[in-house]
């Protein structure tokens, strides 16, 4: 599991808990680390 995937999954968990600001911060961290990361496969498996 890449760090981007880890951030993505953790952000999804925070979102489900209603912690939207924390979730958004993790999404941004993942994007900053790798702006070319392919989110398309993840969004099909893990609904944002």
C-alpha atoms as a PDB file:
ATOM      1  CA  UNK A   1       0.000   0.000   0.000  1.00  0.00           C
ATOM      2  CA  UNK A   2       1.432   3.349  -1.001  1.00  0.00           C
ATOM      3  CA  UNK A   3       1.397   6.382   1.268  1.00  0.00           C
ATOM      4  CA  UNK A   4      -1.160   7.992  -1.048  1.00  0.00           C
ATOM      5  CA  UNK A   5      -3.489   5.038  -0.643  1.00  0.00           C
ATOM      6  CA  UNK A   6      -2.997   5.113   3.126  1.00  0.00           C
ATOM      7  CA  UNK A   7      -3.871   8.819   3.274  1.00  0.00           C
ATOM      8  CA  UNK A   8      -6.840   8.252   1.011  1.00  0.00           C
ATOM      9  CA  UNK A   9      -8.261   5.413   3.116  1.00  0.00           C
ATOM     10  CA  UNK A  10      -7.645   7.285   6.368  1.00  0.00           C
ATOM     11  CA  UNK A  11      -9.304  10.397   4.916  1.00  0.00           C
ATOM     12  CA  UNK A  12     -12.331   8.332   3.905  1.00  0.00           C
ATOM     13  CA  UNK A  13     -12.591   6.996   7.444  1.00  0.00           C
ATOM     14  CA  UNK A  14     -12.421  10.514   8.884  1.00  0.00           C
ATOM     15  CA  UNK A  15     -15.071  11.638   6.418  1.00  0.00           C
ATOM     16  CA  UNK A  16     -17.404   8.868   7.551  1.00  0.00           C
ATOM     17  CA  UNK A  17     -16.855  10.026  11.140  1.00  0.00           C
ATOM     18  CA  UNK A  18     -17.881  13.561  10.166  1.00  0.00           C
ATOM     19  CA  UNK A  19     -14.341  14.946  10.560  1.00  0.00           C
ATOM     20  CA  UNK A  20     -14.391  16.689   7.201  1.00  0.00           C
ATOM     21  CA  UNK A  21     -11.633  19.246   7.782  1.00  0.00           C
ATOM     22  CA  UNK A  22      -9.211  16.518   8.862  1.00  0.00           C
ATOM     23  CA  UNK A  23     -10.210  14.366   5.886  1.00  0.00           C
ATOM     24  CA  UNK A  24      -9.676  17.219   3.440  1.00  0.00           C
ATOM     25  CA  UNK A  25      -6.243  17.890   4.940  1.00  0.00           C
ATOM     26  CA  UNK A  26      -5.226  14.278   4.297  1.00  0.00           C
ATOM     27  CA  UNK A  27      -6.519  14.389   0.729  1.00  0.00           C
ATOM     28  CA  UNK A  28      -4.396  17.498   0.136  1.00  0.00           C
ATOM     29  CA  UNK A  29      -1.333  15.845   1.690  1.00  0.00           C
ATOM     30  CA  UNK A  30      -1.685  12.871  -0.635  1.00  0.00           C
ATOM     31  CA  UNK A  31      -2.033  15.144  -3.652  1.00  0.00           C
ATOM     32  CA  UNK A  32       1.006  17.210  -2.627  1.00  0.00           C
ATOM     33  CA  UNK A  33       3.111  14.062  -2.253  1.00  0.00           C
ATOM     34  CA  UNK A  34       2.145  12.763  -5.665  1.00  0.00           C
ATOM     35  CA  UNK A  35      -0.011  15.015  -7.854  1.00  0.00           C
ATOM     36  CA  UNK A  36       0.055  12.397 -10.635  1.00  0.00           C
ATOM     37  CA  UNK A  37      -1.329   9.612  -8.455  1.00  0.00           C
ATOM     38  CA  UNK A  38      -4.206   7.802 -10.146  1.00  0.00           C
ATOM     39  CA  UNK A  39      -7.279   8.134  -7.968  1.00  0.00           C
ATOM     40  CA  UNK A  40      -9.606   6.577 -10.540  1.00  0.00           C
ATOM     41  CA  UNK A  41      -9.072   2.982  -9.439  1.00  0.00           C
ATOM     42  CA  UNK A  42      -9.486   3.882  -5.800  1.00  0.00           C
ATOM     43  CA  UNK A  43     -12.665   5.855  -6.235  1.00  0.00           C
ATOM     44  CA  UNK A  44     -14.288   2.825  -7.800  1.00  0.00           C
ATOM     45  CA  UNK A  45     -13.356   0.635  -4.821  1.00  0.00           C
ATOM     46  CA  UNK A  46     -13.623   3.176  -2.019  1.00  0.00           C
ATOM     47  CA  UNK A  47     -16.423   5.680  -2.461  1.00  0.00           C
ATOM     48  CA  UNK A  48     -15.359   9.183  -1.479  1.00  0.00           C
END
